[in-house]
Amino acid sequence: PVPQPLDGISYAHKVDKAEAAIDWAQSAHTVIQRVR
């Protein structure tokens, strides 16, 4: 067993249906990443 490092922690919050709407005022890269 190896303890997890203290650096680089991030949280993947549950996806909500309300997040589905595309904001076209974001960058094209962001829009495409969200579609995927």
ModelCIF file with pLDDT and N, C-alpha, C, O atoms, coordinates in Angstrom:
data_MODEL
#
_entry.id   MODEL 
#
_entity.id                         1 
_entity.type                       polymer 
_entity.pdbx_number_of_molecules   1 
#
_entity_poly.entity_id                      1 
_entity_poly.type                           'polypeptide(L)' 
_entity_poly.nstd_linkage                   no 
_entity_poly.nstd_monomer                   no 
_entity_poly.pdbx_seq_one_letter_code       PVPQPLDGISYAHKVDKAEAAIDWAQSAHTVIQRVR 
_entity_poly.pdbx_seq_one_letter_code_can   PVPQPLDGISYAHKVDKAEAAIDWAQSAHTVIQRVR 
_entity_poly.pdbx_strand_id                 A 
#
loop_
_entity_poly_seq.entity_id 
_entity_poly_seq.num 
_entity_poly_seq.mon_id 
_entity_poly_seq.hetero 
1 1  PRO n 
1 2  VAL n 
1 3  PRO n 
1 4  GLN n 
1 5  PRO n 
1 6  LEU n 
1 7  ASP n 
1 8  GLY n 
1 9  ILE n 
1 10 SER n 
1 11 TYR n 
1 12 ALA n 
1 13 HIS n 
1 14 LYS n 
1 15 VAL n 
1 16 ASP n 
1 17 LYS n 
1 18 ALA n 
1 19 GLU n 
1 20 ALA n 
1 21 ALA n 
1 22 ILE n 
1 23 ASP n 
1 24 TRP n 
1 25 ALA n 
1 26 GLN n 
1 27 SER n 
1 28 ALA n 
1 29 HIS n 
1 30 THR n 
1 31 VAL n 
1 32 ILE n 
1 33 GLN n 
1 34 ARG n 
1 35 VAL n 
1 36 ARG n 
#
_struct_asym.id          A 
_struct_asym.entity_id   1 
#
loop_
_ma_qa_metric.id 
_ma_qa_metric.mode 
_ma_qa_metric.name 
_ma_qa_metric.software_group_id 
_ma_qa_metric.type 
1 global pLDDT . pLDDT 
2 local  pLDDT . pLDDT 
#
_ma_qa_metric_global.metric_id      1 
_ma_qa_metric_global.metric_value   96.33 
_ma_qa_metric_global.model_id       1 
_ma_qa_metric_global.ordinal_id     1 
#
loop_
_ma_qa_metric_local.label_asym_id 
_ma_qa_metric_local.label_comp_id 
_ma_qa_metric_local.label_seq_id 
_ma_qa_metric_local.metric_id 
_ma_qa_metric_local.metric_value 
_ma_qa_metric_local.model_id 
_ma_qa_metric_local.ordinal_id 
A PRO 1  2 98.00 1 1  
A VAL 2  2 98.00 1 2  
A PRO 3  2 98.00 1 3  
A GLN 4  2 98.00 1 4  
A PRO 5  2 96.00 1 5  
A LEU 6  2 95.00 1 6  
A ASP 7  2 96.00 1 7  
A GLY 8  2 96.00 1 8  
A ILE 9  2 98.00 1 9  
A SER 10 2 98.00 1 10 
A TYR 11 2 98.00 1 11 
A ALA 12 2 98.00 1 12 
A HIS 13 2 97.00 1 13 
A LYS 14 2 95.00 1 14 
A VAL 15 2 96.00 1 15 
A ASP 16 2 94.00 1 16 
A LYS 17 2 92.00 1 17 
A ALA 18 2 92.00 1 18 
A GLU 19 2 94.00 1 19 
A ALA 20 2 94.00 1 20 
A ALA 21 2 97.00 1 21 
A ILE 22 2 98.00 1 22 
A ASP 23 2 97.00 1 23 
A TRP 24 2 96.00 1 24 
A ALA 25 2 94.00 1 25 
A GLN 26 2 95.00 1 26 
A SER 27 2 94.00 1 27 
A ALA 28 2 95.00 1 28 
A HIS 29 2 96.00 1 29 
A THR 30 2 97.00 1 30 
A VAL 31 2 98.00 1 31 
A ILE 32 2 98.00 1 32 
A GLN 33 2 98.00 1 33 
A ARG 34 2 98.00 1 34 
A VAL 35 2 98.00 1 35 
A ARG 36 2 98.00 1 36 
#
loop_
_atom_site.group_PDB 
_atom_site.id 
_atom_site.type_symbol 
_atom_site.label_atom_id 
_atom_site.label_alt_id 
_atom_site.label_comp_id 
_atom_site.label_asym_id 
_atom_site.label_entity_id 
_atom_site.label_seq_id 
_atom_site.pdbx_PDB_ins_code 
_atom_site.Cartn_x 
_atom_site.Cartn_y 
_atom_site.Cartn_z 
_atom_site.occupancy 
_atom_site.B_iso_or_equiv 
_atom_site.pdbx_formal_charge 
_atom_site.auth_seq_id 
_atom_site.auth_comp_id 
_atom_site.auth_asym_id 
_atom_site.auth_atom_id 
_atom_site.pdbx_PDB_model_num 
ATOM 1   N N  . PRO A 1 1  ? 0.824   -1.212 0.000   1.00 98.00 ? 1  PRO A N  1 
ATOM 2   C CA . PRO A 1 1  ? 0.000   0.000  0.000   1.00 98.00 ? 1  PRO A CA 1 
ATOM 3   C C  . PRO A 1 1  ? 0.858   1.262  0.000   1.00 98.00 ? 1  PRO A C  1 
ATOM 4   O O  . PRO A 1 1  ? 1.873   1.338  0.692   1.00 98.00 ? 1  PRO A O  1 
ATOM 5   N N  . VAL A 1 2  ? 0.438   2.245  -0.781  1.00 98.00 ? 2  VAL A N  1 
ATOM 6   C CA . VAL A 1 2  ? 1.136   3.534  -0.871  1.00 98.00 ? 2  VAL A CA 1 
ATOM 7   C C  . VAL A 1 2  ? 0.140   4.639  -0.535  1.00 98.00 ? 2  VAL A C  1 
ATOM 8   O O  . VAL A 1 2  ? -0.895  4.742  -1.194  1.00 98.00 ? 2  VAL A O  1 
ATOM 9   N N  . PRO A 1 3  ? 0.422   5.471  0.471   1.00 98.00 ? 3  PRO A N  1 
ATOM 10  C CA . PRO A 1 3  ? -0.486  6.588  0.771   1.00 98.00 ? 3  PRO A CA 1 
ATOM 11  C C  . PRO A 1 3  ? -0.609  7.524  -0.420  1.00 98.00 ? 3  PRO A C  1 
ATOM 12  O O  . PRO A 1 3  ? 0.347   7.720  -1.171  1.00 98.00 ? 3  PRO A O  1 
ATOM 13  N N  . GLN A 1 4  ? -1.789  8.097  -0.585  1.00 98.00 ? 4  GLN A N  1 
ATOM 14  C CA . GLN A 1 4  ? -1.983  9.053  -1.663  1.00 98.00 ? 4  GLN A CA 1 
ATOM 15  C C  . GLN A 1 4  ? -1.195  10.337 -1.383  1.00 98.00 ? 4  GLN A C  1 
ATOM 16  O O  . GLN A 1 4  ? -1.117  10.783 -0.239  1.00 98.00 ? 4  GLN A O  1 
ATOM 17  N N  . PRO A 1 5  ? -0.612  10.928 -2.429  1.00 96.00 ? 5  PRO A N  1 
ATOM 18  C CA . PRO A 1 5  ? 0.092   12.197 -2.221  1.00 96.00 ? 5  PRO A CA 1 
ATOM 19  C C  . PRO A 1 5  ? -0.883  13.299 -1.809  1.00 96.00 ? 5  PRO A C  1 
ATOM 20  O O  . PRO A 1 5  ? -2.072  13.242 -2.122  1.00 96.00 ? 5  PRO A O  1 
ATOM 21  N N  . LEU A 1 6  ? -0.368  14.291 -1.110  1.00 95.00 ? 6  LEU A N  1 
ATOM 22  C CA . LEU A 1 6  ? -1.204  15.408 -0.657  1.00 95.00 ? 6  LEU A CA 1 
ATOM 23  C C  . LEU A 1 6  ? -1.380  16.460 -1.737  1.00 95.00 ? 6  LEU A C  1 
ATOM 24  O O  . LEU A 1 6  ? -2.278  17.297 -1.646  1.00 95.00 ? 6  LEU A O  1 
ATOM 25  N N  . ASP A 1 7  ? -0.529  16.429 -2.761  1.00 96.00 ? 7  ASP A N  1 
ATOM 26  C CA . ASP A 1 7  ? -0.645  17.373 -3.871  1.00 96.00 ? 7  ASP A CA 1 
ATOM 27  C C  . ASP A 1 7  ? -1.480  16.766 -4.987  1.00 96.00 ? 7  ASP A C  1 
ATOM 28  O O  . ASP A 1 7  ? -1.510  15.549 -5.170  1.00 96.00 ? 7  ASP A O  1 
ATOM 29  N N  . GLY A 1 8  ? -2.159  17.635 -5.730  1.00 96.00 ? 8  GLY A N  1 
ATOM 30  C CA . GLY A 1 8  ? -2.905  17.182 -6.901  1.00 96.00 ? 8  GLY A CA 1 
ATOM 31  C C  . GLY A 1 8  ? -4.289  16.650 -6.621  1.00 96.00 ? 8  GLY A C  1 
ATOM 32  O O  . GLY A 1 8  ? -4.874  15.979 -7.472  1.00 96.00 ? 8  GLY A O  1 
ATOM 33  N N  . ILE A 1 9  ? -4.835  16.937 -5.434  1.00 98.00 ? 9  ILE A N  1 
ATOM 34  C CA . ILE A 1 9  ? -6.177  16.453 -5.101  1.00 98.00 ? 9  ILE A CA 1 
ATOM 35  C C  . ILE A 1 9  ? -7.223  17.267 -5.861  1.00 98.00 ? 9  ILE A C  1 
ATOM 36  O O  . ILE A 1 9  ? -7.188  18.497 -5.853  1.00 98.00 ? 9  ILE A O  1 
ATOM 37  N N  . SER A 1 10 ? -8.155  16.568 -6.518  1.00 98.00 ? 10 SER A N  1 
ATOM 38  C CA . SER A 1 10 ? -9.301  17.233 -7.146  1.00 98.00 ? 10 SER A CA 1 
ATOM 39  C C  . SER A 1 10 ? -10.524 16.344 -6.982  1.00 98.00 ? 10 SER A C  1 
ATOM 40  O O  . SER A 1 10 ? -10.404 15.142 -6.745  1.00 98.00 ? 10 SER A O  1 
ATOM 41  N N  . TYR A 1 11 ? -11.703 16.947 -7.111  1.00 98.00 ? 11 TYR A N  1 
ATOM 42  C CA . TYR A 1 11 ? -12.945 16.230 -6.844  1.00 98.00 ? 11 TYR A CA 1 
ATOM 43  C C  . TYR A 1 11 ? -13.842 16.209 -8.083  1.00 98.00 ? 11 TYR A C  1 
ATOM 44  O O  . TYR A 1 11 ? -14.058 17.230 -8.735  1.00 98.00 ? 11 TYR A O  1 
ATOM 45  N N  . ALA A 1 12 ? -14.348 15.030 -8.380  1.00 98.00 ? 12 ALA A N  1 
ATOM 46  C CA . ALA A 1 12 ? -15.220 14.825 -9.536  1.00 98.00 ? 12 ALA A CA 1 
ATOM 47  C C  . ALA A 1 12 ? -16.662 14.767 -9.045  1.00 98.00 ? 12 ALA A C  1 
ATOM 48  O O  . ALA A 1 12 ? -17.192 13.693 -8.759  1.00 98.00 ? 12 ALA A O  1 
ATOM 49  N N  . HIS A 1 13 ? -17.280 15.923 -8.954  1.00 97.00 ? 13 HIS A N  1 
ATOM 50  C CA . HIS A 1 13 ? -18.640 15.982 -8.430  1.00 97.00 ? 13 HIS A CA 1 
ATOM 51  C C  . HIS A 1 13 ? -19.619 15.298 -9.385  1.00 97.00 ? 13 HIS A C  1 
ATOM 52  O O  . HIS A 1 13 ? -19.414 15.288 -10.599 1.00 97.00 ? 13 HIS A O  1 
ATOM 53  N N  . LYS A 1 14 ? -20.667 14.735 -8.830  1.00 95.00 ? 14 LYS A N  1 
ATOM 54  C CA . LYS A 1 14 ? -21.694 14.050 -9.603  1.00 95.00 ? 14 LYS A CA 1 
ATOM 55  C C  . LYS A 1 14 ? -22.236 14.966 -10.695 1.00 95.00 ? 14 LYS A C  1 
ATOM 56  O O  . LYS A 1 14 ? -22.440 16.158 -10.467 1.00 95.00 ? 14 LYS A O  1 
ATOM 57  N N  . VAL A 1 15 ? -22.468 14.409 -11.876 1.00 96.00 ? 15 VAL A N  1 
ATOM 58  C CA . VAL A 1 15 ? -22.972 15.191 -13.001 1.00 96.00 ? 15 VAL A CA 1 
ATOM 59  C C  . VAL A 1 15 ? -24.471 15.395 -12.842 1.00 96.00 ? 15 VAL A C  1 
ATOM 60  O O  . VAL A 1 15 ? -25.217 14.451 -12.580 1.00 96.00 ? 15 VAL A O  1 
ATOM 61  N N  . ASP A 1 16 ? -24.894 16.628 -13.002 1.00 94.00 ? 16 ASP A N  1 
ATOM 62  C CA . ASP A 1 16 ? -26.308 16.987 -12.903 1.00 94.00 ? 16 ASP A CA 1 
ATOM 63  C C  . ASP A 1 16 ? -26.846 17.299 -14.289 1.00 94.00 ? 16 ASP A C  1 
ATOM 64  O O  . ASP A 1 16 ? -26.137 17.858 -15.126 1.00 94.00 ? 16 ASP A O  1 
ATOM 65  N N  . LYS A 1 17 ? -28.104 16.938 -14.533 1.00 92.00 ? 17 LYS A N  1 
ATOM 66  C CA . LYS A 1 17 ? -28.706 17.207 -15.844 1.00 92.00 ? 17 LYS A CA 1 
ATOM 67  C C  . LYS A 1 17 ? -28.689 18.693 -16.189 1.00 92.00 ? 17 LYS A C  1 
ATOM 68  O O  . LYS A 1 17 ? -28.656 19.067 -17.361 1.00 92.00 ? 17 LYS A O  1 
ATOM 69  N N  . ALA A 1 18 ? -28.712 19.540 -15.152 1.00 92.00 ? 18 ALA A N  1 
ATOM 70  C CA . ALA A 1 18 ? -28.713 20.983 -15.389 1.00 92.00 ? 18 ALA A CA 1 
ATOM 71  C C  . ALA A 1 18 ? -27.422 21.468 -16.047 1.00 92.00 ? 18 ALA A C  1 
ATOM 72  O O  . ALA A 1 18 ? -27.389 22.561 -16.614 1.00 92.00 ? 18 ALA A O  1 
ATOM 73  N N  . GLU A 1 19 ? -26.361 20.663 -15.975 1.00 94.00 ? 19 GLU A N  1 
ATOM 74  C CA . GLU A 1 19 ? -25.090 21.034 -16.602 1.00 94.00 ? 19 GLU A CA 1 
ATOM 75  C C  . GLU A 1 19 ? -25.089 20.824 -18.115 1.00 94.00 ? 19 GLU A C  1 
ATOM 76  O O  . GLU A 1 19 ? -24.155 21.247 -18.797 1.00 94.00 ? 19 GLU A O  1 
ATOM 77  N N  . ALA A 1 20 ? -26.119 20.180 -18.642 1.00 94.00 ? 20 ALA A N  1 
ATOM 78  C CA . ALA A 1 20 ? -26.101 19.747 -20.037 1.00 94.00 ? 20 ALA A CA 1 
ATOM 79  C C  . ALA A 1 20 ? -26.162 20.912 -21.030 1.00 94.00 ? 20 ALA A C  1 
ATOM 80  O O  . ALA A 1 20 ? -25.658 20.794 -22.147 1.00 94.00 ? 20 ALA A O  1 
ATOM 81  N N  . ALA A 1 21 ? -26.773 22.035 -20.635 1.00 97.00 ? 21 ALA A N  1 
ATOM 82  C CA . ALA A 1 21 ? -26.969 23.134 -21.578 1.00 97.00 ? 21 ALA A CA 1 
ATOM 83  C C  . ALA A 1 21 ? -25.633 23.750 -22.004 1.00 97.00 ? 21 ALA A C  1 
ATOM 84  O O  . ALA A 1 21 ? -24.819 24.126 -21.161 1.00 97.00 ? 21 ALA A O  1 
ATOM 85  N N  . ILE A 1 22 ? -25.417 23.848 -23.307 1.00 98.00 ? 22 ILE A N  1 
ATOM 86  C CA . ILE A 1 22 ? -24.184 24.416 -23.843 1.00 98.00 ? 22 ILE A CA 1 
ATOM 87  C C  . ILE A 1 22 ? -24.228 25.934 -23.740 1.00 98.00 ? 22 ILE A C  1 
ATOM 88  O O  . ILE A 1 22 ? -25.232 26.558 -24.084 1.00 98.00 ? 22 ILE A O  1 
ATOM 89  N N  . ASP A 1 23 ? -23.143 26.519 -23.268 1.00 97.00 ? 23 ASP A N  1 
ATOM 90  C CA . ASP A 1 23 ? -22.965 27.970 -23.252 1.00 97.00 ? 23 ASP A CA 1 
ATOM 91  C C  . ASP A 1 23 ? -22.053 28.324 -24.422 1.00 97.00 ? 23 ASP A C  1 
ATOM 92  O O  . ASP A 1 23 ? -20.844 28.102 -24.363 1.00 97.00 ? 23 ASP A O  1 
ATOM 93  N N  . TRP A 1 24 ? -22.633 28.870 -25.476 1.00 96.00 ? 24 TRP A N  1 
ATOM 94  C CA . TRP A 1 24 ? -21.866 29.164 -26.693 1.00 96.00 ? 24 TRP A CA 1 
ATOM 95  C C  . TRP A 1 24 ? -20.913 30.331 -26.504 1.00 96.00 ? 24 TRP A C  1 
ATOM 96  O O  . TRP A 1 24 ? -20.098 30.612 -27.383 1.00 96.00 ? 24 TRP A O  1 
ATOM 97  N N  . ALA A 1 25 ? -21.004 31.015 -25.369 1.00 94.00 ? 25 ALA A N  1 
ATOM 98  C CA . ALA A 1 25 ? -20.060 32.097 -25.077 1.00 94.00 ? 25 ALA A CA 1 
ATOM 99  C C  . ALA A 1 25 ? -18.769 31.581 -24.464 1.00 94.00 ? 25 ALA A C  1 
ATOM 100 O O  . ALA A 1 25 ? -17.872 32.361 -24.143 1.00 94.00 ? 25 ALA A O  1 
ATOM 101 N N  . GLN A 1 26 ? -18.675 30.271 -24.301 1.00 95.00 ? 26 GLN A N  1 
ATOM 102 C CA . GLN A 1 26 ? -17.422 29.663 -23.859 1.00 95.00 ? 26 GLN A CA 1 
ATOM 103 C C  . GLN A 1 26 ? -16.525 29.391 -25.069 1.00 95.00 ? 26 GLN A C  1 
ATOM 104 O O  . GLN A 1 26 ? -16.950 29.524 -26.216 1.00 95.00 ? 26 GLN A O  1 
ATOM 105 N N  . SER A 1 27 ? -15.281 29.010 -24.788 1.00 94.00 ? 27 SER A N  1 
ATOM 106 C CA . SER A 1 27 ? -14.375 28.683 -25.883 1.00 94.00 ? 27 SER A CA 1 
ATOM 107 C C  . SER A 1 27 ? -14.860 27.434 -26.610 1.00 94.00 ? 27 SER A C  1 
ATOM 108 O O  . SER A 1 27 ? -15.541 26.588 -26.029 1.00 94.00 ? 27 SER A O  1 
ATOM 109 N N  . ALA A 1 28 ? -14.500 27.332 -27.890 1.00 95.00 ? 28 ALA A N  1 
ATOM 110 C CA . ALA A 1 28 ? -14.892 26.172 -28.677 1.00 95.00 ? 28 ALA A CA 1 
ATOM 111 C C  . ALA A 1 28 ? -14.327 24.887 -28.073 1.00 95.00 ? 28 ALA A C  1 
ATOM 112 O O  . ALA A 1 28 ? -14.999 23.855 -28.069 1.00 95.00 ? 28 ALA A O  1 
ATOM 113 N N  . HIS A 1 29 ? -13.089 24.946 -27.559 1.00 96.00 ? 29 HIS A N  1 
ATOM 114 C CA . HIS A 1 29 ? -12.493 23.765 -26.932 1.00 96.00 ? 29 HIS A CA 1 
ATOM 115 C C  . HIS A 1 29 ? -13.317 23.303 -25.732 1.00 96.00 ? 29 HIS A C  1 
ATOM 116 O O  . HIS A 1 29 ? -13.540 22.106 -25.550 1.00 96.00 ? 29 HIS A O  1 
ATOM 117 N N  . THR A 1 30 ? -13.770 24.264 -24.909 1.00 97.00 ? 30 THR A N  1 
ATOM 118 C CA . THR A 1 30 ? -14.575 23.919 -23.744 1.00 97.00 ? 30 THR A CA 1 
ATOM 119 C C  . THR A 1 30 ? -15.895 23.292 -24.147 1.00 97.00 ? 30 THR A C  1 
ATOM 120 O O  . THR A 1 30 ? -16.326 22.301 -23.556 1.00 97.00 ? 30 THR A O  1 
ATOM 121 N N  . VAL A 1 31 ? -16.539 23.870 -25.155 1.00 98.00 ? 31 VAL A N  1 
ATOM 122 C CA . VAL A 1 31 ? -17.815 23.324 -25.632 1.00 98.00 ? 31 VAL A CA 1 
ATOM 123 C C  . VAL A 1 31 ? -17.643 21.884 -26.098 1.00 98.00 ? 31 VAL A C  1 
ATOM 124 O O  . VAL A 1 31 ? -18.446 21.019 -25.748 1.00 98.00 ? 31 VAL A O  1 
ATOM 125 N N  . ILE A 1 32 ? -16.611 21.624 -26.879 1.00 98.00 ? 32 ILE A N  1 
ATOM 126 C CA . ILE A 1 32 ? -16.389 20.286 -27.435 1.00 98.00 ? 32 ILE A CA 1 
ATOM 127 C C  . ILE A 1 32 ? -16.047 19.287 -26.333 1.00 98.00 ? 32 ILE A C  1 
ATOM 128 O O  . ILE A 1 32 ? -16.516 18.149 -26.370 1.00 98.00 ? 32 ILE A O  1 
ATOM 129 N N  . GLN A 1 33 ? -15.245 19.689 -25.361 1.00 98.00 ? 33 GLN A N  1 
ATOM 130 C CA . GLN A 1 33 ? -14.930 18.806 -24.244 1.00 98.00 ? 33 GLN A CA 1 
ATOM 131 C C  . GLN A 1 33 ? -16.178 18.440 -23.453 1.00 98.00 ? 33 GLN A C  1 
ATOM 132 O O  . GLN A 1 33 ? -16.322 17.304 -23.001 1.00 98.00 ? 33 GLN A O  1 
ATOM 133 N N  . ARG A 1 34 ? -17.073 19.397 -23.289 1.00 98.00 ? 34 ARG A N  1 
ATOM 134 C CA . ARG A 1 34 ? -18.311 19.116 -22.552 1.00 98.00 ? 34 ARG A CA 1 
ATOM 135 C C  . ARG A 1 34 ? -19.234 18.198 -23.357 1.00 98.00 ? 34 ARG A C  1 
ATOM 136 O O  . ARG A 1 34 ? -19.897 17.333 -22.785 1.00 98.00 ? 34 ARG A O  1 
ATOM 137 N N  . VAL A 1 35 ? -19.280 18.379 -24.664 1.00 98.00 ? 35 VAL A N  1 
ATOM 138 C CA . VAL A 1 35 ? -20.069 17.472 -25.510 1.00 98.00 ? 35 VAL A CA 1 
ATOM 139 C C  . VAL A 1 35 ? -19.565 16.045 -25.346 1.00 98.00 ? 35 VAL A C  1 
ATOM 140 O O  . VAL A 1 35 ? -20.361 15.119 -25.189 1.00 98.00 ? 35 VAL A O  1 
ATOM 141 N N  . ARG A 1 36 ? -18.256 15.865 -25.380 1.00 98.00 ? 36 ARG A N  1 
ATOM 142 C CA . ARG A 1 36 ? -17.661 14.526 -25.229 1.00 98.00 ? 36 ARG A CA 1 
ATOM 143 C C  . ARG A 1 36 ? -17.887 13.982 -23.814 1.00 98.00 ? 36 ARG A C  1 
ATOM 144 O O  . ARG A 1 36 ? -17.457 12.871 -23.505 1.00 98.00 ? 36 ARG A O  1 
#
